[in-house]
Amino acid sequence: MKKTLEKYETEIRDLKELLEISKSLSSNLEYYSLLDSLIFACMGHARVTKAGLFIKNNLESKIFTLYRNYEGFNTDKNIRYEIPEDSEVVELFKKNTRCYTMPELLGDITDISAIKPFTFLEPTLIIPIVNKGNMQGMIVLGEKIENLVFPEEEKEFLLNIASLAAIAIYNAFLYEVSTTDLMTKLKLRHVLFHSLKQNFISKENLPITLLMIDIDKFKNINDTYGHAFGDKVIKEVTGIIRSSIRMKDVGARYGGEEFTVVLYGNPLSGGVKIAERIRKKVEESPCDYQGKAVTVTISIGITEYSPGRDKVPSDLIKRADSALYRAKESGRNRVIALPG
């Protein structure tokens, strides 16, 4: 009788925990914040110090990439931790969704190269994130702190977390679509204003630096090479912008060929270094037009948030825009900074 009671108490406790995790995941529409919440939920319940997540980096990706590697998994910078969407292991996960150990996985697939990233990481448990036959990612966990094996009931619990996460990730993808400019994959302008407003009223008092970026002589590019090439230039420039900022920063399309980047927790001096890196990389990455290399440059205005003078986001944006105007007037292809 006592064992039965303890069993029911454990099940009730697990259900309560699962309900709380479900609330946390379903209420979070910020994609990368959601992914962090998912990993921490699994780490906390499974009591592991090694955890990672293979996920798609963007809306159009066909590859699952190692997004996070908390604590312990030893990674090699020379190795690409990627699993293609059409690989054998992904098909296996979709057809037979359960938790896998590495020996189980090795016994169920014929193409060992399909799980090469797993063999490098050597996880103790792999948890597919699948909902209605749609693969959203894979969670990898290391050994438990107590060096114990994962009991079946714990595997079932982790799989339930993954199922809830699959729904939440899908909803977050929908949110991403509704807030992302399809051409540049940067955020829409209203997202920039909302993000700044939220951070203005927060009590963290972390530095906020804003970059206003404009493609130099873009009208001439369109007039000379056509609008299709102009679109290509925009995509390549914004690709460089996206690859140069962190996930917690916000890059947005402000106008046709004008873009903004908000660097959170980065002072003006650090922002200038990032701006110079972006400017230099654009200049050194010519766009191909029918075999001809066309050099493209950008001008950047940058400033830092000042709690005393910036009451609304537009105050900060106007100052960055003024810095951008100075950069254009003083010869283009340069970074001009104005203090907060």
C-alpha atoms as a PDB file:
ATOM      1  CA  MET A   1       0.000   0.000   0.000  1.00  0.00           C
ATOM      2  CA  LYS A   2       2.847   2.368   0.896  1.00  0.00           C
ATOM      3  CA  LYS A   3       4.651   1.693  -2.404  1.00  0.00           C
ATOM      4  CA  THR A   4       1.436   2.277  -4.349  1.00  0.00           C
ATOM      5  CA  LEU A   5       0.897   5.586  -2.541  1.00  0.00           C
ATOM      6  CA  GLU A   6       4.480   6.669  -3.226  1.00  0.00           C
ATOM      7  CA  LYS A   7       4.034   5.769  -6.887  1.00  0.00           C
ATOM      8  CA  TYR A   8       0.899   7.902  -7.200  1.00  0.00           C
ATOM      9  CA  GLU A   9       2.562  10.786  -5.372  1.00  0.00           C
ATOM     10  CA  THR A  10       5.487  10.615  -7.823  1.00  0.00           C
ATOM     11  CA  GLU A  11       3.125  10.574 -10.799  1.00  0.00           C
ATOM     12  CA  ILE A  12       1.182  13.570  -9.443  1.00  0.00           C
ATOM     13  CA  ARG A  13       4.440  15.457  -8.849  1.00  0.00           C
ATOM     14  CA  ASP A  14       5.617  14.688 -12.382  1.00  0.00           C
ATOM     15  CA  LEU A  15       2.291  15.816 -13.854  1.00  0.00           C
ATOM     16  CA  LYS A  16       2.470  19.089 -11.940  1.00  0.00           C
ATOM     17  CA  GLU A  17       6.024  19.649 -13.157  1.00  0.00           C
ATOM     18  CA  LEU A  18       5.011  18.820 -16.726  1.00  0.00           C
ATOM     19  CA  LEU A  19       2.120  21.294 -16.486  1.00  0.00           C
ATOM     20  CA  GLU A  20       4.462  24.055 -15.323  1.00  0.00           C
ATOM     21  CA  ILE A  21       6.916  23.285 -18.115  1.00  0.00           C
ATOM     22  CA  SER A  22       4.053  23.319 -20.618  1.00  0.00           C
ATOM     23  CA  LYS A  23       2.926  26.748 -19.394  1.00  0.00           C
ATOM     24  CA  SER A  24       6.474  28.085 -19.622  1.00  0.00           C
ATOM     25  CA  LEU A  25       7.054  26.794 -23.156  1.00  0.00           C
ATOM     26  CA  SER A  26       3.660  27.699 -24.613  1.00  0.00           C
ATOM     27  CA  SER A  27       3.786  31.253 -23.273  1.00  0.00           C
ATOM     28  CA  ASN A  28       7.166  31.984 -24.880  1.00  0.00           C
ATOM     29  CA  LEU A  29       6.998  33.075 -28.520  1.00  0.00           C
ATOM     30  CA  GLU A  30      10.567  34.369 -28.693  1.00  0.00           C
ATOM     31  CA  TYR A  31      12.250  31.564 -30.615  1.00  0.00           C
ATOM     32  CA  TYR A  32      15.722  31.527 -29.061  1.00  0.00           C
ATOM     33  CA  SER A  33      14.447  32.237 -25.564  1.00  0.00           C
ATOM     34  CA  LEU A  34      12.109  29.273 -25.990  1.00  0.00           C
ATOM     35  CA  LEU A  35      14.996  27.016 -26.975  1.00  0.00           C
ATOM     36  CA  ASP A  36      16.948  28.025 -23.867  1.00  0.00           C
ATOM     37  CA  SER A  37      13.907  27.309 -21.670  1.00  0.00           C
ATOM     38  CA  LEU A  38      13.581  23.868 -23.247  1.00  0.00           C
ATOM     39  CA  ILE A  39      17.193  22.924 -22.589  1.00  0.00           C
ATOM     40  CA  PHE A  40      17.114  24.143 -18.987  1.00  0.00           C
ATOM     41  CA  ALA A  41      13.870  22.228 -18.353  1.00  0.00           C
ATOM     42  CA  CYS A  42      15.473  18.997 -19.557  1.00  0.00           C
ATOM     43  CA  MET A  43      18.690  19.617 -17.628  1.00  0.00           C
ATOM     44  CA  GLY A  44      16.799  20.356 -14.430  1.00  0.00           C
ATOM     45  CA  HIS A  45      14.568  17.305 -14.585  1.00  0.00           C
ATOM     46  CA  ALA A  46      17.196  14.831 -15.784  1.00  0.00           C
ATOM     47  CA  ARG A  47      19.899  16.230 -13.480  1.00  0.00           C
ATOM     48  CA  VAL A  48      22.621  16.430 -16.118  1.00  0.00           C
ATOM     49  CA  THR A  49      25.375  18.976 -16.709  1.00  0.00           C
ATOM     50  CA  LYS A  50      25.823  18.254 -20.414  1.00  0.00           C
ATOM     51  CA  ALA A  51      23.038  19.287 -22.753  1.00  0.00           C
ATOM     52  CA  GLY A  52      22.740  20.441 -26.341  1.00  0.00           C
ATOM     53  CA  LEU A  53      20.071  21.075 -28.928  1.00  0.00           C
ATOM     54  CA  PHE A  54      20.080  20.478 -32.679  1.00  0.00           C
ATOM     55  CA  ILE A  55      17.689  22.935 -34.310  1.00  0.00           C
ATOM     56  CA  LYS A  56      17.096  24.787 -37.573  1.00  0.00           C
ATOM     57  CA  ASN A  57      18.835  28.150 -37.596  1.00  0.00           C
ATOM     58  CA  ASN A  58      16.259  29.914 -39.733  1.00  0.00           C
ATOM     59  CA  LEU A  59      12.916  29.552 -41.436  1.00  0.00           C
ATOM     60  CA  GLU A  60      14.285  28.113 -44.668  1.00  0.00           C
ATOM     61  CA  SER A  61      16.998  25.833 -43.307  1.00  0.00           C
ATOM     62  CA  LYS A  62      17.079  22.150 -44.267  1.00  0.00           C
ATOM     63  CA  ILE A  63      19.742  21.352 -41.688  1.00  0.00           C
ATOM     64  CA  PHE A  64      19.613  20.775 -37.932  1.00  0.00           C
ATOM     65  CA  THR A  65      22.606  22.493 -36.320  1.00  0.00           C
ATOM     66  CA  LEU A  66      23.971  22.296 -32.778  1.00  0.00           C
ATOM     67  CA  TYR A  67      22.525  25.479 -31.294  1.00  0.00           C
ATOM     68  CA  ARG A  68      23.605  25.272 -27.677  1.00  0.00           C
ATOM     69  CA  ASN A  69      26.255  23.299 -25.840  1.00  0.00           C
ATOM     70  CA  TYR A  70      25.848  23.896 -22.127  1.00  0.00           C
ATOM     71  CA  GLU A  71      28.701  22.922 -19.835  1.00  0.00           C
ATOM     72  CA  GLY A  72      30.334  19.794 -20.827  1.00  0.00           C
ATOM     73  CA  PHE A  73      30.160  18.412 -24.326  1.00  0.00           C
ATOM     74  CA  ASN A  74      33.594  18.774 -25.880  1.00  0.00           C
ATOM     75  CA  THR A  75      33.232  20.364 -29.319  1.00  0.00           C
ATOM     76  CA  ASP A  76      35.805  20.855 -32.034  1.00  0.00           C
ATOM     77  CA  LYS A  77      35.704  24.116 -33.988  1.00  0.00           C
ATOM     78  CA  ASN A  78      36.804  22.249 -37.104  1.00  0.00           C
ATOM     79  CA  ILE A  79      33.760  19.966 -37.036  1.00  0.00           C
ATOM     80  CA  ARG A  80      30.360  20.934 -38.448  1.00  0.00           C
ATOM     81  CA  TYR A  81      27.752  19.610 -36.026  1.00  0.00           C
ATOM     82  CA  GLU A  82      24.952  19.351 -38.592  1.00  0.00           C
ATOM     83  CA  ILE A  83      22.326  16.762 -39.491  1.00  0.00           C
ATOM     84  CA  PRO A  84      20.468  17.171 -42.826  1.00  0.00           C
ATOM     85  CA  GLU A  85      16.683  17.119 -42.738  1.00  0.00           C
ATOM     86  CA  ASP A  86      16.610  14.287 -45.294  1.00  0.00           C
ATOM     87  CA  SER A  87      19.076  12.029 -43.440  1.00  0.00           C
ATOM     88  CA  GLU A  88      18.268   8.478 -42.381  1.00  0.00           C
ATOM     89  CA  VAL A  89      18.376   9.303 -38.691  1.00  0.00           C
ATOM     90  CA  VAL A  90      15.750  12.046 -39.046  1.00  0.00           C
ATOM     91  CA  GLU A  91      13.448   9.624 -40.898  1.00  0.00           C
ATOM     92  CA  LEU A  92      13.958   7.109 -38.094  1.00  0.00           C
ATOM     93  CA  PHE A  93      13.066   9.678 -35.432  1.00  0.00           C
ATOM     94  CA  LYS A  94       9.880  10.642 -37.291  1.00  0.00           C
ATOM     95  CA  LYS A  95       8.739   7.042 -37.766  1.00  0.00           C
ATOM     96  CA  ASN A  96       9.697   5.788 -34.315  1.00  0.00           C
ATOM     97  CA  THR A  97       9.708   8.704 -31.890  1.00  0.00           C
ATOM     98  CA  ARG A  98      11.283   7.667 -28.602  1.00  0.00           C
ATOM     99  CA  CYS A  99      14.403   8.359 -26.557  1.00  0.00           C
ATOM    100  CA  TYR A 100      17.541   6.711 -27.919  1.00  0.00           C
ATOM    101  CA  THR A 101      20.871   5.769 -26.411  1.00  0.00           C
ATOM    102  CA  MET A 102      23.850   5.734 -28.764  1.00  0.00           C
ATOM    103  CA  PRO A 103      24.024   1.899 -28.888  1.00  0.00           C
ATOM    104  CA  GLU A 104      20.309   1.788 -29.754  1.00  0.00           C
ATOM    105  CA  LEU A 105      20.772   4.356 -32.483  1.00  0.00           C
ATOM    106  CA  LEU A 106      23.758   2.562 -33.953  1.00  0.00           C
ATOM    107  CA  GLY A 107      21.694  -0.617 -34.087  1.00  0.00           C
ATOM    108  CA  ASP A 108      18.771   1.011 -35.901  1.00  0.00           C
ATOM    109  CA  ILE A 109      20.492   2.804 -38.788  1.00  0.00           C
ATOM    110  CA  THR A 110      22.608   1.653 -41.728  1.00  0.00           C
ATOM    111  CA  ASP A 111      24.343   4.944 -42.591  1.00  0.00           C
ATOM    112  CA  ILE A 112      26.719   5.670 -39.714  1.00  0.00           C
ATOM    113  CA  SER A 113      27.752   8.982 -41.309  1.00  0.00           C
ATOM    114  CA  ALA A 114      24.200  10.246 -40.660  1.00  0.00           C
ATOM    115  CA  ILE A 115      24.920  10.389 -36.921  1.00  0.00           C
ATOM    116  CA  LYS A 116      28.544  11.536 -37.070  1.00  0.00           C
ATOM    117  CA  PRO A 117      27.805  14.669 -34.968  1.00  0.00           C
ATOM    118  CA  PHE A 118      26.387  12.410 -32.255  1.00  0.00           C
ATOM    119  CA  THR A 119      29.443  10.147 -32.292  1.00  0.00           C
ATOM    120  CA  PHE A 120      31.663  13.186 -31.744  1.00  0.00           C
ATOM    121  CA  LEU A 121      29.552  14.434 -28.808  1.00  0.00           C
ATOM    122  CA  GLU A 122      28.957  10.984 -27.271  1.00  0.00           C
ATOM    123  CA  PRO A 123      25.590  11.816 -25.622  1.00  0.00           C
ATOM    124  CA  THR A 124      23.990   9.427 -23.165  1.00  0.00           C
ATOM    125  CA  LEU A 125      20.479  10.121 -24.424  1.00  0.00           C
ATOM    126  CA  ILE A 126      19.006  11.601 -27.618  1.00  0.00           C
ATOM    127  CA  ILE A 127      15.432  12.917 -27.583  1.00  0.00           C
ATOM    128  CA  PRO A 128      13.683  13.731 -30.884  1.00  0.00           C
ATOM    129  CA  ILE A 129      11.408  16.776 -30.942  1.00  0.00           C
ATOM    130  CA  VAL A 130       8.546  15.613 -33.154  1.00  0.00           C
ATOM    131  CA  ASN A 131       4.896  16.611 -33.491  1.00  0.00           C
ATOM    132  CA  LYS A 132       2.473  15.085 -36.019  1.00  0.00           C
ATOM    133  CA  GLY A 133       5.325  13.730 -38.086  1.00  0.00           C
ATOM    134  CA  ASN A 134       7.134  17.078 -38.252  1.00  0.00           C
ATOM    135  CA  MET A 135      10.707  17.100 -36.992  1.00  0.00           C
ATOM    136  CA  GLN A 136      11.599  20.240 -35.046  1.00  0.00           C
ATOM    137  CA  GLY A 137      14.935  19.251 -33.555  1.00  0.00           C
ATOM    138  CA  MET A 138      16.847  16.903 -31.259  1.00  0.00           C
ATOM    139  CA  ILE A 139      17.889  17.219 -27.612  1.00  0.00           C
ATOM    140  CA  VAL A 140      21.147  15.559 -26.559  1.00  0.00           C
ATOM    141  CA  LEU A 141      21.922  14.920 -22.887  1.00  0.00           C
ATOM    142  CA  GLY A 142      25.081  13.733 -21.178  1.00  0.00           C
ATOM    143  CA  GLU A 143      25.352  11.408 -18.228  1.00  0.00           C
ATOM    144  CA  LYS A 144      23.366  12.019 -15.050  1.00  0.00           C
ATOM    145  CA  ILE A 145      25.110  13.758 -12.160  1.00  0.00           C
ATOM    146  CA  GLU A 146      24.701  10.641 -10.005  1.00  0.00           C
ATOM    147  CA  ASN A 147      26.112   8.467 -12.827  1.00  0.00           C
ATOM    148  CA  LEU A 148      22.849   6.546 -12.934  1.00  0.00           C
ATOM    149  CA  VAL A 149      21.062   5.206 -16.003  1.00  0.00           C
ATOM    150  CA  PHE A 150      17.934   6.904 -17.300  1.00  0.00           C
ATOM    151  CA  PRO A 151      14.909   4.901 -16.065  1.00  0.00           C
ATOM    152  CA  GLU A 152      12.088   4.298 -18.549  1.00  0.00           C
ATOM    153  CA  GLU A 153       9.655   6.587 -16.712  1.00  0.00           C
ATOM    154  CA  GLU A 154      12.172   9.434 -16.924  1.00  0.00           C
ATOM    155  CA  LYS A 155      12.655   8.827 -20.645  1.00  0.00           C
ATOM    156  CA  GLU A 156       8.878   9.015 -21.061  1.00  0.00           C
ATOM    157  CA  PHE A 157       8.781  12.288 -19.128  1.00  0.00           C
ATOM    158  CA  LEU A 158      11.550  13.804 -21.275  1.00  0.00           C
ATOM    159  CA  LEU A 159       9.752  12.672 -24.415  1.00  0.00           C
ATOM    160  CA  ASN A 160       6.603  14.420 -23.159  1.00  0.00           C
ATOM    161  CA  ILE A 161       8.625  17.609 -22.687  1.00  0.00           C
ATOM    162  CA  ALA A 162       9.913  17.257 -26.250  1.00  0.00           C
ATOM    163  CA  SER A 163       6.344  16.790 -27.574  1.00  0.00           C
ATOM    164  CA  LEU A 164       5.193  19.951 -25.807  1.00  0.00           C
ATOM    165  CA  ALA A 165       8.279  21.751 -27.104  1.00  0.00           C
ATOM    166  CA  ALA A 166       7.513  20.692 -30.682  1.00  0.00           C
ATOM    167  CA  ILE A 167       4.172  22.506 -30.524  1.00  0.00           C
ATOM    168  CA  ALA A 168       5.731  25.561 -28.883  1.00  0.00           C
ATOM    169  CA  ILE A 169       8.552  25.672 -31.465  1.00  0.00           C
ATOM    170  CA  TYR A 170       6.027  25.493 -34.297  1.00  0.00           C
ATOM    171  CA  ASN A 171       4.080  28.407 -32.782  1.00  0.00           C
ATOM    172  CA  ALA A 172       7.340  30.331 -32.350  1.00  0.00           C
ATOM    173  CA  PHE A 173       8.126  29.706 -36.037  1.00  0.00           C
ATOM    174  CA  LEU A 174       4.745  31.206 -36.953  1.00  0.00           C
ATOM    175  CA  TYR A 175       5.559  34.205 -34.785  1.00  0.00           C
ATOM    176  CA  GLU A 176       8.944  34.508 -36.504  1.00  0.00           C
ATOM    177  CA  VAL A 177       7.233  34.565 -39.901  1.00  0.00           C
ATOM    178  CA  SER A 178       4.860  37.324 -38.796  1.00  0.00           C
ATOM    179  CA  THR A 179       7.683  39.497 -37.418  1.00  0.00           C
ATOM    180  CA  THR A 180      10.404  38.862 -40.020  1.00  0.00           C
ATOM    181  CA  ASP A 181      11.094  40.590 -43.327  1.00  0.00           C
ATOM    182  CA  LEU A 182      11.073  37.755 -45.853  1.00  0.00           C
ATOM    183  CA  MET A 183      13.784  39.165 -48.117  1.00  0.00           C
ATOM    184  CA  THR A 184      16.413  40.036 -45.509  1.00  0.00           C
ATOM    185  CA  LYS A 185      15.408  37.676 -42.658  1.00  0.00           C
ATOM    186  CA  LEU A 186      15.765  40.683 -40.369  1.00  0.00           C
ATOM    187  CA  LYS A 187      13.002  41.788 -38.029  1.00  0.00           C
ATOM    188  CA  LEU A 188      10.303  44.185 -39.148  1.00  0.00           C
ATOM    189  CA  ARG A 189      10.465  47.805 -38.063  1.00  0.00           C
ATOM    190  CA  HIS A 190       7.697  47.560 -35.438  1.00  0.00           C
ATOM    191  CA  VAL A 191       9.585  44.721 -33.709  1.00  0.00           C
ATOM    192  CA  LEU A 192      12.585  47.028 -33.322  1.00  0.00           C
ATOM    193  CA  PHE A 193      10.459  49.698 -31.640  1.00  0.00           C
ATOM    194  CA  HIS A 194       8.791  47.162 -29.349  1.00  0.00           C
ATOM    195  CA  SER A 195      12.127  45.650 -28.322  1.00  0.00           C
ATOM    196  CA  LEU A 196      13.613  49.064 -27.540  1.00  0.00           C
ATOM    197  CA  LYS A 197      10.526  50.146 -25.599  1.00  0.00           C
ATOM    198  CA  GLN A 198      10.639  47.021 -23.444  1.00  0.00           C
ATOM    199  CA  ASN A 199      14.306  47.538 -22.679  1.00  0.00           C
ATOM    200  CA  PHE A 200      13.849  51.233 -21.948  1.00  0.00           C
ATOM    201  CA  ILE A 201      11.481  50.387 -19.091  1.00  0.00           C
ATOM    202  CA  SER A 202      13.492  47.441 -17.747  1.00  0.00           C
ATOM    203  CA  LYS A 203      15.529  47.870 -14.594  1.00  0.00           C
ATOM    204  CA  GLU A 204      18.664  46.096 -15.796  1.00  0.00           C
ATOM    205  CA  ASN A 205      20.473  49.326 -16.734  1.00  0.00           C
ATOM    206  CA  LEU A 206      22.614  47.510 -19.296  1.00  0.00           C
ATOM    207  CA  PRO A 207      24.137  49.567 -22.120  1.00  0.00           C
ATOM    208  CA  ILE A 208      22.205  49.655 -25.390  1.00  0.00           C
ATOM    209  CA  THR A 209      23.941  50.655 -28.617  1.00  0.00           C
ATOM    210  CA  LEU A 210      22.083  51.312 -31.859  1.00  0.00           C
ATOM    211  CA  LEU A 211      23.519  51.143 -35.381  1.00  0.00           C
ATOM    212  CA  MET A 212      21.790  52.781 -38.345  1.00  0.00           C
ATOM    213  CA  ILE A 213      23.111  51.251 -41.584  1.00  0.00           C
ATOM    214  CA  ASP A 214      22.568  52.420 -45.160  1.00  0.00           C
ATOM    215  CA  ILE A 215      23.834  50.979 -48.460  1.00  0.00           C
ATOM    216  CA  ASP A 216      25.822  53.683 -50.248  1.00  0.00           C
ATOM    217  CA  LYS A 217      24.506  54.949 -53.592  1.00  0.00           C
ATOM    218  CA  PHE A 218      21.885  52.234 -53.751  1.00  0.00           C
ATOM    219  CA  LYS A 219      19.822  54.111 -56.350  1.00  0.00           C
ATOM    220  CA  ASN A 220      22.832  54.082 -58.673  1.00  0.00           C
ATOM    221  CA  ILE A 221      23.135  50.321 -58.167  1.00  0.00           C
ATOM    222  CA  ASN A 222      19.490  49.828 -59.166  1.00  0.00           C
ATOM    223  CA  ASP A 223      19.764  52.209 -62.129  1.00  0.00           C
ATOM    224  CA  THR A 224      22.995  50.627 -63.400  1.00  0.00           C
ATOM    225  CA  TYR A 225      22.407  46.922 -62.816  1.00  0.00           C
ATOM    226  CA  GLY A 226      18.655  46.596 -62.342  1.00  0.00           C
ATOM    227  CA  HIS A 227      16.365  45.926 -59.403  1.00  0.00           C
ATOM    228  CA  ALA A 228      17.029  42.181 -59.356  1.00  0.00           C
ATOM    229  CA  PHE A 229      20.699  42.855 -58.681  1.00  0.00           C
ATOM    230  CA  GLY A 230      19.684  45.500 -56.144  1.00  0.00           C
ATOM    231  CA  ASP A 231      17.708  42.839 -54.275  1.00  0.00           C
ATOM    232  CA  LYS A 232      20.747  40.562 -54.392  1.00  0.00           C
ATOM    233  CA  VAL A 233      22.887  43.319 -52.862  1.00  0.00           C
ATOM    234  CA  ILE A 234      20.370  43.807 -50.054  1.00  0.00           C
ATOM    235  CA  LYS A 235      20.337  40.061 -49.306  1.00  0.00           C
ATOM    236  CA  GLU A 236      24.113  39.802 -49.231  1.00  0.00           C
ATOM    237  CA  VAL A 237      24.576  42.880 -47.051  1.00  0.00           C
ATOM    238  CA  THR A 238      21.910  41.761 -44.569  1.00  0.00           C
ATOM    239  CA  GLY A 239      23.434  38.278 -44.540  1.00  0.00           C
ATOM    240  CA  ILE A 240      26.666  39.856 -43.320  1.00  0.00           C
ATOM    241  CA  ILE A 241      24.755  41.891 -40.725  1.00  0.00           C
ATOM    242  CA  ARG A 242      22.962  38.799 -39.399  1.00  0.00           C
ATOM    243  CA  SER A 243      26.186  36.803 -39.150  1.00  0.00           C
ATOM    244  CA  SER A 244      27.917  39.625 -37.262  1.00  0.00           C
ATOM    245  CA  ILE A 245      25.494  40.000 -34.338  1.00  0.00           C
ATOM    246  CA  ARG A 246      24.469  37.800 -31.444  1.00  0.00           C
ATOM    247  CA  MET A 247      21.132  36.089 -31.001  1.00  0.00           C
ATOM    248  CA  LYS A 248      20.102  38.449 -28.214  1.00  0.00           C
ATOM    249  CA  ASP A 249      20.694  41.490 -30.446  1.00  0.00           C
ATOM    250  CA  VAL A 250      18.016  42.750 -32.841  1.00  0.00           C
ATOM    251  CA  GLY A 251      18.645  43.427 -36.507  1.00  0.00           C
ATOM    252  CA  ALA A 252      15.739  45.043 -38.378  1.00  0.00           C
ATOM    253  CA  ARG A 253      14.908  46.359 -41.816  1.00  0.00           C
ATOM    254  CA  TYR A 254      14.142  50.022 -41.210  1.00  0.00           C
ATOM    255  CA  GLY A 255      13.485  51.043 -44.813  1.00  0.00           C
ATOM    256  CA  GLY A 256      14.270  49.911 -48.364  1.00  0.00           C
ATOM    257  CA  GLU A 257      18.065  49.767 -48.089  1.00  0.00           C
ATOM    258  CA  GLU A 258      18.341  51.045 -44.522  1.00  0.00           C
ATOM    259  CA  PHE A 259      18.789  48.734 -41.542  1.00  0.00           C
ATOM    260  CA  THR A 260      19.150  48.993 -37.792  1.00  0.00           C
ATOM    261  CA  VAL A 261      20.957  46.854 -35.256  1.00  0.00           C
ATOM    262  CA  VAL A 262      20.397  47.057 -31.513  1.00  0.00           C
ATOM    263  CA  LEU A 263      23.270  45.674 -29.434  1.00  0.00           C
ATOM    264  CA  TYR A 264      22.132  44.832 -25.918  1.00  0.00           C
ATOM    265  CA  GLY A 265      24.689  44.924 -23.119  1.00  0.00           C
ATOM    266  CA  ASN A 266      27.270  46.485 -25.454  1.00  0.00           C
ATOM    267  CA  PRO A 267      28.699  49.987 -24.803  1.00  0.00           C
ATOM    268  CA  LEU A 268      29.408  52.469 -27.575  1.00  0.00           C
ATOM    269  CA  SER A 269      33.085  51.470 -27.837  1.00  0.00           C
ATOM    270  CA  GLY A 270      32.158  47.813 -28.382  1.00  0.00           C
ATOM    271  CA  GLY A 271      29.433  48.809 -30.814  1.00  0.00           C
ATOM    272  CA  VAL A 272      31.906  50.794 -32.912  1.00  0.00           C
ATOM    273  CA  LYS A 273      34.136  47.719 -33.244  1.00  0.00           C
ATOM    274  CA  ILE A 274      31.191  45.617 -34.424  1.00  0.00           C
ATOM    275  CA  ALA A 275      30.090  48.368 -36.823  1.00  0.00           C
ATOM    276  CA  GLU A 276      33.592  48.595 -38.306  1.00  0.00           C
ATOM    277  CA  ARG A 277      33.699  44.828 -38.697  1.00  0.00           C
ATOM    278  CA  ILE A 278      30.396  44.862 -40.594  1.00  0.00           C
ATOM    279  CA  ARG A 279      31.461  47.809 -42.775  1.00  0.00           C
ATOM    280  CA  LYS A 280      34.803  46.214 -43.639  1.00  0.00           C
ATOM    281  CA  LYS A 281      33.290  42.824 -44.428  1.00  0.00           C
ATOM    282  CA  VAL A 282      30.721  44.373 -46.789  1.00  0.00           C
ATOM    283  CA  GLU A 283      33.462  46.318 -48.592  1.00  0.00           C
ATOM    284  CA  GLU A 284      35.565  43.169 -48.936  1.00  0.00           C
ATOM    285  CA  SER A 285      32.653  41.058 -50.243  1.00  0.00           C
ATOM    286  CA  PRO A 286      31.848  42.262 -53.776  1.00  0.00           C
ATOM    287  CA  CYS A 287      28.601  41.093 -55.394  1.00  0.00           C
ATOM    288  CA  ASP A 288      28.783  39.170 -58.637  1.00  0.00           C
ATOM    289  CA  TYR A 289      26.966  40.662 -61.626  1.00  0.00           C
ATOM    290  CA  GLN A 290      27.261  38.463 -64.706  1.00  0.00           C
ATOM    291  CA  GLY A 291      30.868  37.615 -63.855  1.00  0.00           C
ATOM    292  CA  LYS A 292      31.752  41.148 -62.819  1.00  0.00           C
ATOM    293  CA  ALA A 293      32.665  41.895 -59.191  1.00  0.00           C
ATOM    294  CA  VAL A 294      30.720  44.949 -57.997  1.00  0.00           C
ATOM    295  CA  THR A 295      32.046  46.558 -54.836  1.00  0.00           C
ATOM    296  CA  VAL A 296      29.361  47.600 -52.374  1.00  0.00           C
ATOM    297  CA  THR A 297      29.895  49.845 -49.358  1.00  0.00           C
ATOM    298  CA  ILE A 298      27.782  50.944 -46.419  1.00  0.00           C
ATOM    299  CA  SER A 299      27.701  53.895 -44.064  1.00  0.00           C
ATOM    300  CA  ILE A 300      26.896  53.433 -40.375  1.00  0.00           C
ATOM    301  CA  GLY A 301      25.743  55.877 -37.719  1.00  0.00           C
ATOM    302  CA  ILE A 302      25.963  54.697 -34.145  1.00  0.00           C
ATOM    303  CA  THR A 303      24.994  55.974 -30.715  1.00  0.00           C
ATOM    304  CA  GLU A 304      24.355  54.716 -27.189  1.00  0.00           C
ATOM    305  CA  TYR A 305      21.156  54.834 -25.143  1.00  0.00           C
ATOM    306  CA  SER A 306      21.071  57.615 -22.566  1.00  0.00           C
ATOM    307  CA  PRO A 307      18.393  57.107 -19.863  1.00  0.00           C
ATOM    308  CA  GLY A 308      18.378  60.829 -19.164  1.00  0.00           C
ATOM    309  CA  ARG A 309      17.629  62.017 -22.698  1.00  0.00           C
ATOM    310  CA  ASP A 310      16.049  59.037 -24.501  1.00  0.00           C
ATOM    311  CA  LYS A 311      12.451  58.874 -23.315  1.00  0.00           C
ATOM    312  CA  VAL A 312      11.118  56.923 -26.303  1.00  0.00           C
ATOM    313  CA  PRO A 313      12.816  54.748 -28.960  1.00  0.00           C
ATOM    314  CA  SER A 314      12.565  57.464 -31.600  1.00  0.00           C
ATOM    315  CA  ASP A 315      14.879  59.692 -29.517  1.00  0.00           C
ATOM    316  CA  LEU A 316      17.669  57.129 -29.790  1.00  0.00           C
ATOM    317  CA  ILE A 317      16.934  56.391 -33.451  1.00  0.00           C
ATOM    318  CA  LYS A 318      17.029  60.083 -34.399  1.00  0.00           C
ATOM    319  CA  ARG A 319      20.499  60.456 -32.904  1.00  0.00           C
ATOM    320  CA  ALA A 320      21.768  57.353 -34.729  1.00  0.00           C
ATOM    321  CA  ASP A 321      20.179  58.677 -37.916  1.00  0.00           C
ATOM    322  CA  SER A 322      21.987  61.977 -37.409  1.00  0.00           C
ATOM    323  CA  ALA A 323      25.273  60.071 -37.064  1.00  0.00           C
ATOM    324  CA  LEU A 324      24.460  58.179 -40.266  1.00  0.00           C
ATOM    325  CA  TYR A 325      23.820  61.487 -42.076  1.00  0.00           C
ATOM    326  CA  ARG A 326      27.279  62.703 -40.988  1.00  0.00           C
ATOM    327  CA  ALA A 327      28.838  59.478 -42.277  1.00  0.00           C
ATOM    328  CA  LYS A 328      27.184  59.997 -45.668  1.00  0.00           C
ATOM    329  CA  GLU A 329      28.121  63.675 -45.822  1.00  0.00           C
ATOM    330  CA  SER A 330      31.757  63.044 -44.916  1.00  0.00           C
ATOM    331  CA  GLY A 331      32.397  60.624 -47.763  1.00  0.00           C
ATOM    332  CA  ARG A 332      30.402  57.404 -47.114  1.00  0.00           C
ATOM    333  CA  ASN A 333      31.854  53.946 -46.371  1.00  0.00           C
ATOM    334  CA  ARG A 334      32.581  54.877 -42.789  1.00  0.00           C
ATOM    335  CA  VAL A 335      31.319  54.676 -39.211  1.00  0.00           C
ATOM    336  CA  ILE A 336      30.420  57.822 -37.312  1.00  0.00           C
ATOM    337  CA  ALA A 337      29.582  57.599 -33.596  1.00  0.00           C
ATOM    338  CA  LEU A 338      27.709  60.131 -31.492  1.00  0.00           C
ATOM    339  CA  PRO A 339      27.820  59.831 -27.697  1.00  0.00           C
ATOM    340  CA  GLY A 340      24.618  59.227 -25.759  1.00  0.00           C
END
